[in-house]
Amino acid sequence: MEITYLYALSEGLIVTSSYATEQYIMRPPTFDDLPAVVELINICAIEQLGSPEFSIDSLNFEWTEPGVNIATDRRTYWTSDGQLAAYGEFWDTGTAHVQVAVWGRVHPAHRGRGLGSAIIEWAHRRADASLALAPAGAQVVLSTHIFNTATDAATLLKQHGFELVRHFWRMVRELDSPPEPAQMPAGVSIRPYNPETEFSALVETYAATFNDHWGRVNEPLEQHLEQWEHTRNGYDYDASLWFVALHAERVIGIAVCWPKIDDDPAMGWVGTLGVRREWRRQKIGLALLNHALGEFYRRGKKRAGLGVDAASLTGATKLYEQAGMHKTRQYDFYEKVLRAGIDLRTQSVD
């Protein structure tokens, strides 16, 4: 049967969806809803992975990121007796508005009732604003990622016109022995960054190196600085785990790490690893990674992990394998073209 959603806006707008089969109340979340949303996400993660995926701190961090407005970019779906049945996110924090994203979770007890389709439908409506802001003639895509074990989600996405375009891996190394430091070119050194004097240089290096990653859109440095300012003011920030590779006092590579990850407190996390293009193929990336692994080993971490594009344009997976890392998890990345045009995203490295 068709459901009428109560779309919790001040004017009490009623929105009708043709997908859901029983009544739920859809509204933007408030920060008081954080515990319920985290519980829902983790119920789904434990079902698929055997471990939780988020903490209240990590979801609060995402809800307060620059460019995120939970009133317009997040939706919760509730039963009439106040149980959270589903949660959806829409992401468009870039300045180009050519790659937007949807992400959601449906409680196992409420699957098969159209809530997943309702989240996708909402994201399509929300994407209309992004289409209006995107450059004329540019392709605009709606993307999402799922666990590769989530076969029902994959079927749903295909039914809504999404195509599988990429795989991303989590790679892990057990830290039962210290890594061997790699040899580096003469004049290159690695140390923790100086947050007082090197923050801008670290962010500029990140922007330069990650423009060579598939699907990236060149964004103004000011936007990167704003995002990274939020990052270093967030939870679990530890300046002693943000490393820079230097040559003649210029930052040429970075390894930005975190002391743990929500689904495995015993795992240190390499959040960002990059080397400027002109300094690649000289084992600086491997040296940065081994330096981080060595610090995690010194701190007593049981393992270290990172995320990577399985078909990395810069050959990152091979580098990580050299450091003794192996794939432990796969995410599948899906896209749907909302508007045909010129693809402004990075597709290859010149």
C-alpha atoms as a PDB file:
ATOM      1  CA  MET A   1       0.000   0.000   0.000  1.00  0.00           C
ATOM      2  CA  GLU A   2       1.142   3.569  -0.551  1.00  0.00           C
ATOM      3  CA  ILE A   3       2.425   5.486   2.432  1.00  0.00           C
ATOM      4  CA  THR A   4       2.125   9.156   3.314  1.00  0.00           C
ATOM      5  CA  TYR A   5       5.217  10.485   5.094  1.00  0.00           C
ATOM      6  CA  LEU A   6       5.049  13.316   7.582  1.00  0.00           C
ATOM      7  CA  TYR A   7       7.930  15.475   6.366  1.00  0.00           C
ATOM      8  CA  ALA A   8       8.840  17.359   9.532  1.00  0.00           C
ATOM      9  CA  LEU A   9       9.123  20.919   8.312  1.00  0.00           C
ATOM     10  CA  SER A  10       7.680  23.966  10.003  1.00  0.00           C
ATOM     11  CA  GLU A  11       4.860  24.172   7.461  1.00  0.00           C
ATOM     12  CA  GLY A  12       3.983  20.501   7.935  1.00  0.00           C
ATOM     13  CA  LEU A  13       4.481  19.599   4.278  1.00  0.00           C
ATOM     14  CA  ILE A  14       3.081  16.182   3.345  1.00  0.00           C
ATOM     15  CA  VAL A  15       5.200  14.088   0.974  1.00  0.00           C
ATOM     16  CA  THR A  16       3.920  10.911  -0.645  1.00  0.00           C
ATOM     17  CA  SER A  17       6.153   7.974  -1.562  1.00  0.00           C
ATOM     18  CA  SER A  18       5.044   5.113  -3.789  1.00  0.00           C
ATOM     19  CA  TYR A  19       7.609   2.697  -2.343  1.00  0.00           C
ATOM     20  CA  ALA A  20       6.912   2.100   1.343  1.00  0.00           C
ATOM     21  CA  THR A  21       4.295  -0.434   2.367  1.00  0.00           C
ATOM     22  CA  GLU A  22       3.372   0.830   5.817  1.00  0.00           C
ATOM     23  CA  GLN A  23       3.419   4.104   7.659  1.00  0.00           C
ATOM     24  CA  TYR A  24       6.574   5.733   8.991  1.00  0.00           C
ATOM     25  CA  ILE A  25       7.284   9.268  10.080  1.00  0.00           C
ATOM     26  CA  MET A  26      10.144  10.873   8.142  1.00  0.00           C
ATOM     27  CA  ARG A  27      11.915  13.870   9.629  1.00  0.00           C
ATOM     28  CA  PRO A  28      15.361  15.462   9.851  1.00  0.00           C
ATOM     29  CA  PRO A  29      17.287  14.249  12.894  1.00  0.00           C
ATOM     30  CA  THR A  30      18.276  16.396  15.833  1.00  0.00           C
ATOM     31  CA  PHE A  31      21.457  15.956  17.819  1.00  0.00           C
ATOM     32  CA  ASP A  32      19.336  14.263  20.494  1.00  0.00           C
ATOM     33  CA  ASP A  33      18.833  11.459  17.944  1.00  0.00           C
ATOM     34  CA  LEU A  34      22.555  10.645  17.719  1.00  0.00           C
ATOM     35  CA  PRO A  35      22.427   7.618  20.078  1.00  0.00           C
ATOM     36  CA  ALA A  36      19.481   6.070  18.219  1.00  0.00           C
ATOM     37  CA  VAL A  37      21.070   6.604  14.803  1.00  0.00           C
ATOM     38  CA  VAL A  38      24.416   5.160  15.931  1.00  0.00           C
ATOM     39  CA  GLU A  39      22.629   2.143  17.405  1.00  0.00           C
ATOM     40  CA  LEU A  40      20.807   1.535  14.096  1.00  0.00           C
ATOM     41  CA  ILE A  41      23.992   1.867  12.008  1.00  0.00           C
ATOM     42  CA  ASN A  42      25.836  -0.517  14.311  1.00  0.00           C
ATOM     43  CA  ILE A  43      23.060  -3.121  14.283  1.00  0.00           C
ATOM     44  CA  CYS A  44      23.423  -3.230  10.495  1.00  0.00           C
ATOM     45  CA  ALA A  45      27.234  -3.277  10.662  1.00  0.00           C
ATOM     46  CA  ILE A  46      27.325  -6.114  13.178  1.00  0.00           C
ATOM     47  CA  GLU A  47      24.982  -8.090  10.931  1.00  0.00           C
ATOM     48  CA  GLN A  48      27.343  -7.668   7.949  1.00  0.00           C
ATOM     49  CA  LEU A  49      30.781  -7.449   9.579  1.00  0.00           C
ATOM     50  CA  GLY A  50      30.487  -8.723  13.114  1.00  0.00           C
ATOM     51  CA  SER A  51      31.542  -5.385  14.604  1.00  0.00           C
ATOM     52  CA  PRO A  52      30.136  -1.861  15.092  1.00  0.00           C
ATOM     53  CA  GLU A  53      30.907   0.848  12.550  1.00  0.00           C
ATOM     54  CA  PHE A  54      30.335   4.201  14.287  1.00  0.00           C
ATOM     55  CA  SER A  55      30.509   5.867  17.681  1.00  0.00           C
ATOM     56  CA  ILE A  56      28.508   8.876  18.835  1.00  0.00           C
ATOM     57  CA  ASP A  57      31.694  10.959  18.537  1.00  0.00           C
ATOM     58  CA  SER A  58      32.383   9.914  14.945  1.00  0.00           C
ATOM     59  CA  LEU A  59      28.824  10.496  13.740  1.00  0.00           C
ATOM     60  CA  ASN A  60      28.673  13.836  15.540  1.00  0.00           C
ATOM     61  CA  PHE A  61      31.905  14.736  13.735  1.00  0.00           C
ATOM     62  CA  GLU A  62      30.259  13.993  10.379  1.00  0.00           C
ATOM     63  CA  TRP A  63      27.091  15.881  11.248  1.00  0.00           C
ATOM     64  CA  THR A  64      29.133  18.993  12.038  1.00  0.00           C
ATOM     65  CA  GLU A  65      31.428  18.884   8.995  1.00  0.00           C
ATOM     66  CA  PRO A  66      31.654  22.062   6.876  1.00  0.00           C
ATOM     67  CA  GLY A  67      28.931  22.056   4.258  1.00  0.00           C
ATOM     68  CA  VAL A  68      26.706  19.563   6.104  1.00  0.00           C
ATOM     69  CA  ASN A  69      23.252  20.700   7.217  1.00  0.00           C
ATOM     70  CA  ILE A  70      21.427  17.896   8.997  1.00  0.00           C
ATOM     71  CA  ALA A  71      18.101  19.673   8.465  1.00  0.00           C
ATOM     72  CA  THR A  72      18.403  19.264   4.687  1.00  0.00           C
ATOM     73  CA  ASP A  73      21.003  16.485   4.311  1.00  0.00           C
ATOM     74  CA  ARG A  74      19.900  13.832   6.788  1.00  0.00           C
ATOM     75  CA  ARG A  75      16.632  11.937   7.265  1.00  0.00           C
ATOM     76  CA  THR A  76      15.336   9.563   9.913  1.00  0.00           C
ATOM     77  CA  TYR A  77      12.335   7.238   9.528  1.00  0.00           C
ATOM     78  CA  TRP A  78      10.384   6.345  12.677  1.00  0.00           C
ATOM     79  CA  THR A  79       7.572   3.979  13.589  1.00  0.00           C
ATOM     80  CA  SER A  80       4.454   5.400  15.199  1.00  0.00           C
ATOM     81  CA  ASP A  81       5.692   4.175  18.583  1.00  0.00           C
ATOM     82  CA  GLY A  82       9.038   5.976  18.278  1.00  0.00           C
ATOM     83  CA  GLN A  83      11.373   3.242  17.019  1.00  0.00           C
ATOM     84  CA  LEU A  84      14.009   4.261  14.469  1.00  0.00           C
ATOM     85  CA  ALA A  85      13.518   2.130  11.364  1.00  0.00           C
ATOM     86  CA  ALA A  86      15.871   3.749   8.830  1.00  0.00           C
ATOM     87  CA  TYR A  87      18.380   6.537   8.342  1.00  0.00           C
ATOM     88  CA  GLY A  88      19.550   8.319   5.188  1.00  0.00           C
ATOM     89  CA  GLU A  89      22.338  10.753   4.303  1.00  0.00           C
ATOM     90  CA  PHE A  90      22.868  13.058   1.338  1.00  0.00           C
ATOM     91  CA  TRP A  91      26.351  14.451   0.679  1.00  0.00           C
ATOM     92  CA  ASP A  92      27.255  17.465  -1.441  1.00  0.00           C
ATOM     93  CA  THR A  93      30.040  19.373   0.292  1.00  0.00           C
ATOM     94  CA  GLY A  94      32.131  20.238  -2.773  1.00  0.00           C
ATOM     95  CA  THR A  95      32.061  23.466  -4.732  1.00  0.00           C
ATOM     96  CA  ALA A  96      31.567  21.816  -8.127  1.00  0.00           C
ATOM     97  CA  HIS A  97      28.406  19.832  -7.222  1.00  0.00           C
ATOM     98  CA  VAL A  98      29.175  17.188  -9.863  1.00  0.00           C
ATOM     99  CA  GLN A  99      29.408  14.159  -7.556  1.00  0.00           C
ATOM    100  CA  VAL A 100      26.802  13.888  -4.836  1.00  0.00           C
ATOM    101  CA  ALA A 101      26.190  10.865  -2.654  1.00  0.00           C
ATOM    102  CA  VAL A 102      23.482   8.973  -0.828  1.00  0.00           C
ATOM    103  CA  TRP A 103      24.051   6.550   2.037  1.00  0.00           C
ATOM    104  CA  GLY A 104      21.589   4.781   4.272  1.00  0.00           C
ATOM    105  CA  ARG A 105      20.768   1.975   6.634  1.00  0.00           C
ATOM    106  CA  VAL A 106      17.487   0.132   7.262  1.00  0.00           C
ATOM    107  CA  HIS A 107      16.908  -1.837  10.464  1.00  0.00           C
ATOM    108  CA  PRO A 108      16.724  -5.585   9.705  1.00  0.00           C
ATOM    109  CA  ALA A 109      13.226  -5.769  11.217  1.00  0.00           C
ATOM    110  CA  HIS A 110      11.946  -3.152   8.766  1.00  0.00           C
ATOM    111  CA  ARG A 111      13.464  -4.361   5.501  1.00  0.00           C
ATOM    112  CA  GLY A 112      11.319  -5.288   2.539  1.00  0.00           C
ATOM    113  CA  ARG A 113       8.910  -2.460   3.290  1.00  0.00           C
ATOM    114  CA  GLY A 114      10.228   0.124   0.845  1.00  0.00           C
ATOM    115  CA  LEU A 115      12.382   2.208   3.176  1.00  0.00           C
ATOM    116  CA  GLY A 116      15.568   1.727   1.161  1.00  0.00           C
ATOM    117  CA  SER A 117      13.763   2.905  -1.965  1.00  0.00           C
ATOM    118  CA  ALA A 118      12.300   5.830  -0.027  1.00  0.00           C
ATOM    119  CA  ILE A 119      15.802   6.974   0.975  1.00  0.00           C
ATOM    120  CA  ILE A 120      16.942   6.817  -2.659  1.00  0.00           C
ATOM    121  CA  GLU A 121      13.836   8.726  -3.776  1.00  0.00           C
ATOM    122  CA  TRP A 122      14.493  11.426  -1.167  1.00  0.00           C
ATOM    123  CA  ALA A 123      18.118  11.708  -2.322  1.00  0.00           C
ATOM    124  CA  HIS A 124      16.972  12.209  -5.901  1.00  0.00           C
ATOM    125  CA  ARG A 125      14.728  15.085  -4.808  1.00  0.00           C
ATOM    126  CA  ARG A 126      17.514  16.571  -2.712  1.00  0.00           C
ATOM    127  CA  ALA A 127      19.916  16.311  -5.679  1.00  0.00           C
ATOM    128  CA  ASP A 128      17.803  18.731  -7.716  1.00  0.00           C
ATOM    129  CA  ALA A 129      19.432  21.616  -5.827  1.00  0.00           C
ATOM    130  CA  SER A 130      22.899  20.309  -6.703  1.00  0.00           C
ATOM    131  CA  LEU A 131      22.019  19.966 -10.363  1.00  0.00           C
ATOM    132  CA  ALA A 132      21.071  23.638 -10.410  1.00  0.00           C
ATOM    133  CA  LEU A 133      24.497  24.586  -8.993  1.00  0.00           C
ATOM    134  CA  ALA A 134      26.695  22.341 -11.160  1.00  0.00           C
ATOM    135  CA  PRO A 135      28.588  23.912 -14.101  1.00  0.00           C
ATOM    136  CA  ALA A 136      26.696  23.977 -17.370  1.00  0.00           C
ATOM    137  CA  GLY A 137      27.577  20.998 -19.539  1.00  0.00           C
ATOM    138  CA  ALA A 138      29.096  18.987 -16.673  1.00  0.00           C
ATOM    139  CA  GLN A 139      28.077  15.428 -15.864  1.00  0.00           C
ATOM    140  CA  VAL A 140      26.464  15.002 -12.445  1.00  0.00           C
ATOM    141  CA  VAL A 141      26.418  11.618 -10.719  1.00  0.00           C
ATOM    142  CA  LEU A 142      24.787  10.238  -7.599  1.00  0.00           C
ATOM    143  CA  SER A 143      27.077   7.735  -5.865  1.00  0.00           C
ATOM    144  CA  THR A 144      26.986   5.391  -2.915  1.00  0.00           C
ATOM    145  CA  HIS A 145      28.980   2.565  -1.377  1.00  0.00           C
ATOM    146  CA  ILE A 146      27.943  -0.658   0.341  1.00  0.00           C
ATOM    147  CA  PHE A 147      29.605  -3.657   1.937  1.00  0.00           C
ATOM    148  CA  ASN A 148      30.311  -6.211  -0.773  1.00  0.00           C
ATOM    149  CA  THR A 149      28.412  -8.731   1.362  1.00  0.00           C
ATOM    150  CA  ALA A 150      25.206  -6.625   1.216  1.00  0.00           C
ATOM    151  CA  THR A 151      23.614  -8.473  -1.707  1.00  0.00           C
ATOM    152  CA  ASP A 152      20.102  -7.149  -1.018  1.00  0.00           C
ATOM    153  CA  ALA A 153      21.410  -3.560  -1.126  1.00  0.00           C
ATOM    154  CA  ALA A 154      23.199  -4.283  -4.413  1.00  0.00           C
ATOM    155  CA  THR A 155      19.950  -5.571  -5.924  1.00  0.00           C
ATOM    156  CA  LEU A 156      18.093  -2.473  -4.720  1.00  0.00           C
ATOM    157  CA  LEU A 157      20.667  -0.115  -6.219  1.00  0.00           C
ATOM    158  CA  LYS A 158      20.556  -1.857  -9.582  1.00  0.00           C
ATOM    159  CA  GLN A 159      16.765  -1.633  -9.571  1.00  0.00           C
ATOM    160  CA  HIS A 160      17.122   2.128  -9.189  1.00  0.00           C
ATOM    161  CA  GLY A 161      19.553   2.483 -12.079  1.00  0.00           C
ATOM    162  CA  PHE A 162      22.898   2.425 -10.229  1.00  0.00           C
ATOM    163  CA  GLU A 163      25.897   0.654 -11.726  1.00  0.00           C
ATOM    164  CA  LEU A 164      28.872  -0.916  -9.954  1.00  0.00           C
ATOM    165  CA  VAL A 165      31.946   1.100 -10.993  1.00  0.00           C
ATOM    166  CA  ARG A 166      34.684   0.543  -8.412  1.00  0.00           C
ATOM    167  CA  HIS A 167      35.888  -1.477  -5.450  1.00  0.00           C
ATOM    168  CA  PHE A 168      37.565  -0.105  -2.346  1.00  0.00           C
ATOM    169  CA  TRP A 169      39.466  -2.200   0.168  1.00  0.00           C
ATOM    170  CA  ARG A 170      40.427  -2.083   3.765  1.00  0.00           C
ATOM    171  CA  MET A 171      43.989  -3.347   4.076  1.00  0.00           C
ATOM    172  CA  VAL A 172      45.522  -4.389   7.397  1.00  0.00           C
ATOM    173  CA  ARG A 173      48.882  -5.419   8.782  1.00  0.00           C
ATOM    174  CA  GLU A 174      49.233  -7.298  12.043  1.00  0.00           C
ATOM    175  CA  LEU A 175      51.852  -5.619  14.221  1.00  0.00           C
ATOM    176  CA  ASP A 176      53.444  -8.692  15.727  1.00  0.00           C
ATOM    177  CA  SER A 177      56.861  -7.362  14.686  1.00  0.00           C
ATOM    178  CA  PRO A 178      58.240  -3.904  13.876  1.00  0.00           C
ATOM    179  CA  PRO A 179      58.350  -2.909  10.204  1.00  0.00           C
ATOM    180  CA  GLU A 180      61.681  -2.420   8.502  1.00  0.00           C
ATOM    181  CA  PRO A 181      62.310   1.231   7.629  1.00  0.00           C
ATOM    182  CA  ALA A 182      62.584   1.881   3.896  1.00  0.00           C
ATOM    183  CA  GLN A 183      65.511   3.642   2.304  1.00  0.00           C
ATOM    184  CA  MET A 184      64.820   7.210   1.192  1.00  0.00           C
ATOM    185  CA  PRO A 185      66.513   9.663  -1.160  1.00  0.00           C
ATOM    186  CA  ALA A 186      69.294  11.763   0.324  1.00  0.00           C
ATOM    187  CA  GLY A 187      68.027  14.860   2.073  1.00  0.00           C
ATOM    188  CA  VAL A 188      64.530  13.513   2.832  1.00  0.00           C
ATOM    189  CA  SER A 189      63.423  13.158   6.455  1.00  0.00           C
ATOM    190  CA  ILE A 190      60.223  12.185   8.290  1.00  0.00           C
ATOM    191  CA  ARG A 191      58.907  13.610  11.537  1.00  0.00           C
ATOM    192  CA  PRO A 192      55.607  14.685  13.153  1.00  0.00           C
ATOM    193  CA  TYR A 193      54.286  17.890  11.634  1.00  0.00           C
ATOM    194  CA  ASN A 194      54.388  21.166  13.533  1.00  0.00           C
ATOM    195  CA  PRO A 195      50.742  22.225  14.013  1.00  0.00           C
ATOM    196  CA  GLU A 196      51.796  25.829  14.606  1.00  0.00           C
ATOM    197  CA  THR A 197      53.742  26.326  11.384  1.00  0.00           C
ATOM    198  CA  GLU A 198      53.017  23.440   8.982  1.00  0.00           C
ATOM    199  CA  PHE A 199      49.238  23.050   8.963  1.00  0.00           C
ATOM    200  CA  SER A 200      48.729  24.940   5.683  1.00  0.00           C
ATOM    201  CA  ALA A 201      51.645  23.126   4.022  1.00  0.00           C
ATOM    202  CA  LEU A 202      50.245  19.752   5.077  1.00  0.00           C
ATOM    203  CA  VAL A 203      46.805  20.588   3.677  1.00  0.00           C
ATOM    204  CA  GLU A 204      48.251  21.972   0.436  1.00  0.00           C
ATOM    205  CA  THR A 205      50.263  18.767   0.021  1.00  0.00           C
ATOM    206  CA  TYR A 206      47.111  16.725   0.593  1.00  0.00           C
ATOM    207  CA  ALA A 207      45.276  18.707  -2.095  1.00  0.00           C
ATOM    208  CA  ALA A 208      48.128  18.288  -4.568  1.00  0.00           C
ATOM    209  CA  THR A 209      48.555  14.553  -4.024  1.00  0.00           C
ATOM    210  CA  PHE A 210      44.893  13.536  -3.858  1.00  0.00           C
ATOM    211  CA  ASN A 211      43.978  15.300  -7.086  1.00  0.00           C
ATOM    212  CA  ASP A 212      45.578  12.215  -8.676  1.00  0.00           C
ATOM    213  CA  HIS A 213      42.974   9.904  -7.146  1.00  0.00           C
ATOM    214  CA  TRP A 214      40.124   8.515  -9.221  1.00  0.00           C
ATOM    215  CA  GLY A 215      36.884  10.467  -8.915  1.00  0.00           C
ATOM    216  CA  ARG A 216      38.442  13.568  -7.352  1.00  0.00           C
ATOM    217  CA  VAL A 217      37.368  17.070  -8.316  1.00  0.00           C
ATOM    218  CA  ASN A 218      39.849  19.925  -8.017  1.00  0.00           C
ATOM    219  CA  GLU A 219      38.558  22.097  -5.158  1.00  0.00           C
ATOM    220  CA  PRO A 220      39.826  25.487  -3.878  1.00  0.00           C
ATOM    221  CA  LEU A 221      42.512  25.263  -1.212  1.00  0.00           C
ATOM    222  CA  GLU A 222      40.291  27.310   1.107  1.00  0.00           C
ATOM    223  CA  GLN A 223      37.738  24.517   1.165  1.00  0.00           C
ATOM    224  CA  HIS A 224      40.388  21.943   2.061  1.00  0.00           C
ATOM    225  CA  LEU A 225      41.704  24.185   4.833  1.00  0.00           C
ATOM    226  CA  GLU A 226      38.211  24.534   6.315  1.00  0.00           C
ATOM    227  CA  GLN A 227      37.655  20.777   6.257  1.00  0.00           C
ATOM    228  CA  TRP A 228      41.035  20.006   7.802  1.00  0.00           C
ATOM    229  CA  GLU A 229      40.526  22.651  10.476  1.00  0.00           C
ATOM    230  CA  HIS A 230      37.383  20.754  11.424  1.00  0.00           C
ATOM    231  CA  THR A 231      39.366  17.513  11.372  1.00  0.00           C
ATOM    232  CA  ARG A 232      42.073  18.700  13.744  1.00  0.00           C
ATOM    233  CA  ASN A 233      39.425  20.047  16.118  1.00  0.00           C
ATOM    234  CA  GLY A 234      37.582  16.728  16.081  1.00  0.00           C
ATOM    235  CA  TYR A 235      37.722  13.690  18.303  1.00  0.00           C
ATOM    236  CA  ASP A 236      40.878  11.542  18.579  1.00  0.00           C
ATOM    237  CA  TYR A 237      43.127  14.202  17.023  1.00  0.00           C
ATOM    238  CA  ASP A 238      46.752  13.491  17.936  1.00  0.00           C
ATOM    239  CA  ALA A 239      49.287  15.835  16.328  1.00  0.00           C
ATOM    240  CA  SER A 240      52.104  13.389  17.100  1.00  0.00           C
ATOM    241  CA  LEU A 241      50.513  10.953  14.601  1.00  0.00           C
ATOM    242  CA  TRP A 242      50.451  13.452  11.708  1.00  0.00           C
ATOM    243  CA  PHE A 243      53.729  12.882   9.868  1.00  0.00           C
ATOM    244  CA  VAL A 244      55.423  14.857   7.115  1.00  0.00           C
ATOM    245  CA  ALA A 245      58.216  13.940   4.712  1.00  0.00           C
ATOM    246  CA  LEU A 246      60.492  16.926   4.164  1.00  0.00           C
ATOM    247  CA  HIS A 247      63.078  17.937   1.608  1.00  0.00           C
ATOM    248  CA  ALA A 248      64.849  21.247   2.167  1.00  0.00           C
ATOM    249  CA  GLU A 249      62.097  22.029   4.718  1.00  0.00           C
ATOM    250  CA  ARG A 250      59.384  21.626   2.064  1.00  0.00           C
ATOM    251  CA  VAL A 251      56.564  19.173   2.777  1.00  0.00           C
ATOM    252  CA  ILE A 252      56.616  16.594  -0.025  1.00  0.00           C
ATOM    253  CA  GLY A 253      54.566  13.816   1.582  1.00  0.00           C
ATOM    254  CA  ILE A 254      52.163  13.218   4.461  1.00  0.00           C
ATOM    255  CA  ALA A 255      50.819  10.376   6.598  1.00  0.00           C
ATOM    256  CA  VAL A 256      47.879  11.485   8.754  1.00  0.00           C
ATOM    257  CA  CYS A 257      47.029   8.822  11.309  1.00  0.00           C
ATOM    258  CA  TRP A 258      44.581   8.165  14.127  1.00  0.00           C
ATOM    259  CA  PRO A 259      45.136   6.179  17.340  1.00  0.00           C
ATOM    260  CA  LYS A 260      42.151   3.859  16.748  1.00  0.00           C
ATOM    261  CA  ILE A 261      39.109   3.171  14.599  1.00  0.00           C
ATOM    262  CA  ASP A 262      35.563   2.716  15.881  1.00  0.00           C
ATOM    263  CA  ASP A 263      35.159  -0.918  14.841  1.00  0.00           C
ATOM    264  CA  ASP A 264      38.543  -1.998  16.271  1.00  0.00           C
ATOM    265  CA  PRO A 265      40.111   0.011  19.121  1.00  0.00           C
ATOM    266  CA  ALA A 266      43.237  -2.172  18.876  1.00  0.00           C
ATOM    267  CA  MET A 267      43.863  -0.959  15.318  1.00  0.00           C
ATOM    268  CA  GLY A 268      45.790   2.199  14.471  1.00  0.00           C
ATOM    269  CA  TRP A 269      44.455   3.908  11.367  1.00  0.00           C
ATOM    270  CA  VAL A 270      46.354   5.539   8.500  1.00  0.00           C
ATOM    271  CA  GLY A 271      43.709   7.991   7.344  1.00  0.00           C
ATOM    272  CA  THR A 272      45.672   9.809   4.633  1.00  0.00           C
ATOM    273  CA  LEU A 273      48.910   8.873   2.883  1.00  0.00           C
ATOM    274  CA  GLY A 274      50.227  10.835  -0.079  1.00  0.00           C
ATOM    275  CA  VAL A 275      53.403  11.947  -1.855  1.00  0.00           C
ATOM    276  CA  ARG A 276      53.717  14.774  -4.371  1.00  0.00           C
ATOM    277  CA  ARG A 277      53.818  13.522  -7.936  1.00  0.00           C
ATOM    278  CA  GLU A 278      57.396  14.644  -8.653  1.00  0.00           C
ATOM    279  CA  TRP A 279      58.656  12.694  -5.602  1.00  0.00           C
ATOM    280  CA  ARG A 280      56.899   9.390  -6.292  1.00  0.00           C
ATOM    281  CA  ARG A 281      58.644   6.124  -7.206  1.00  0.00           C
ATOM    282  CA  GLN A 282      61.402   6.849  -4.686  1.00  0.00           C
ATOM    283  CA  LYS A 283      59.989   4.800  -1.764  1.00  0.00           C
ATOM    284  CA  ILE A 284      58.942   7.893   0.173  1.00  0.00           C
ATOM    285  CA  GLY A 285      55.351   6.636   0.462  1.00  0.00           C
ATOM    286  CA  LEU A 286      56.606   3.280   1.758  1.00  0.00           C
ATOM    287  CA  ALA A 287      58.897   5.057   4.216  1.00  0.00           C
ATOM    288  CA  LEU A 288      56.023   7.198   5.509  1.00  0.00           C
ATOM    289  CA  LEU A 289      53.801   4.147   5.897  1.00  0.00           C
ATOM    290  CA  ASN A 290      56.483   2.133   7.690  1.00  0.00           C
ATOM    291  CA  HIS A 291      57.212   5.117   9.931  1.00  0.00           C
ATOM    292  CA  ALA A 292      53.530   5.208  10.936  1.00  0.00           C
ATOM    293  CA  LEU A 293      53.403   1.428  11.414  1.00  0.00           C
ATOM    294  CA  GLY A 294      56.491   1.624  13.589  1.00  0.00           C
ATOM    295  CA  GLU A 295      54.889   4.267  15.786  1.00  0.00           C
ATOM    296  CA  PHE A 296      51.746   2.160  16.164  1.00  0.00           C
ATOM    297  CA  TYR A 297      53.921  -0.821  17.107  1.00  0.00           C
ATOM    298  CA  ARG A 298      55.756   1.301  19.679  1.00  0.00           C
ATOM    299  CA  ARG A 299      52.411   2.332  21.175  1.00  0.00           C
ATOM    300  CA  GLY A 300      51.275  -1.263  21.525  1.00  0.00           C
ATOM    301  CA  LYS A 301      48.655  -1.371  18.777  1.00  0.00           C
ATOM    302  CA  LYS A 302      47.828  -4.886  17.629  1.00  0.00           C
ATOM    303  CA  ARG A 303      47.351  -3.980  13.982  1.00  0.00           C
ATOM    304  CA  ALA A 304      47.155  -1.052  11.576  1.00  0.00           C
ATOM    305  CA  GLY A 305      44.790  -0.437   8.684  1.00  0.00           C
ATOM    306  CA  LEU A 306      43.846   1.940   5.890  1.00  0.00           C
ATOM    307  CA  GLY A 307      41.391   2.304   3.031  1.00  0.00           C
ATOM    308  CA  VAL A 308      42.378   2.247  -0.650  1.00  0.00           C
ATOM    309  CA  ASP A 309      40.925   2.286  -4.139  1.00  0.00           C
ATOM    310  CA  ALA A 310      41.429  -1.284  -5.355  1.00  0.00           C
ATOM    311  CA  ALA A 311      42.353   0.052  -8.816  1.00  0.00           C
ATOM    312  CA  SER A 312      44.398   2.983  -7.493  1.00  0.00           C
ATOM    313  CA  LEU A 313      45.710   5.231 -10.266  1.00  0.00           C
ATOM    314  CA  THR A 314      49.005   5.611  -8.399  1.00  0.00           C
ATOM    315  CA  GLY A 315      49.509   1.907  -7.656  1.00  0.00           C
ATOM    316  CA  ALA A 316      48.902   2.327  -3.922  1.00  0.00           C
ATOM    317  CA  THR A 317      47.784  -1.266  -3.337  1.00  0.00           C
ATOM    318  CA  LYS A 318      51.186  -2.597  -4.409  1.00  0.00           C
ATOM    319  CA  LEU A 319      52.925  -0.223  -2.028  1.00  0.00           C
ATOM    320  CA  TYR A 320      50.745  -1.385   0.851  1.00  0.00           C
ATOM    321  CA  GLU A 321      51.417  -5.013   0.016  1.00  0.00           C
ATOM    322  CA  GLN A 322      55.150  -4.245   0.181  1.00  0.00           C
ATOM    323  CA  ALA A 323      54.541  -3.042   3.741  1.00  0.00           C
ATOM    324  CA  GLY A 324      52.947  -6.387   4.623  1.00  0.00           C
ATOM    325  CA  MET A 325      49.312  -5.311   4.391  1.00  0.00           C
ATOM    326  CA  HIS A 326      46.513  -7.469   3.010  1.00  0.00           C
ATOM    327  CA  LYS A 327      42.862  -6.985   2.080  1.00  0.00           C
ATOM    328  CA  THR A 328      40.380  -7.706   4.877  1.00  0.00           C
ATOM    329  CA  ARG A 329      37.239  -5.961   3.660  1.00  0.00           C
ATOM    330  CA  GLN A 330      35.712  -4.729   0.399  1.00  0.00           C
ATOM    331  CA  TYR A 331      33.288  -1.914  -0.285  1.00  0.00           C
ATOM    332  CA  ASP A 332      31.505  -1.677  -3.630  1.00  0.00           C
ATOM    333  CA  PHE A 333      31.051   1.771  -5.144  1.00  0.00           C
ATOM    334  CA  TYR A 334      27.972   2.468  -7.284  1.00  0.00           C
ATOM    335  CA  GLU A 335      27.037   5.440  -9.457  1.00  0.00           C
ATOM    336  CA  LYS A 336      24.009   6.713 -11.321  1.00  0.00           C
ATOM    337  CA  VAL A 337      24.274   9.506 -13.885  1.00  0.00           C
ATOM    338  CA  LEU A 338      21.754  12.222 -13.034  1.00  0.00           C
ATOM    339  CA  ARG A 339      22.786  14.494 -15.884  1.00  0.00           C
ATOM    340  CA  ALA A 340      24.927  13.601 -18.878  1.00  0.00           C
ATOM    341  CA  GLY A 341      27.851  15.838 -19.770  1.00  0.00           C
ATOM    342  CA  ILE A 342      31.602  16.260 -19.423  1.00  0.00           C
ATOM    343  CA  ASP A 343      33.044  14.305 -16.504  1.00  0.00           C
ATOM    344  CA  LEU A 344      35.116  16.802 -14.489  1.00  0.00           C
ATOM    345  CA  ARG A 345      36.482  14.165 -12.114  1.00  0.00           C
ATOM    346  CA  THR A 346      39.942  12.629 -12.272  1.00  0.00           C
ATOM    347  CA  GLN A 347      39.910   9.458 -14.371  1.00  0.00           C
ATOM    348  CA  SER A 348      43.646   8.918 -15.006  1.00  0.00           C
ATOM    349  CA  VAL A 349      47.077  10.223 -13.996  1.00  0.00           C
ATOM    350  CA  ASP A 350      48.914  11.955 -16.852  1.00  0.00           C
END
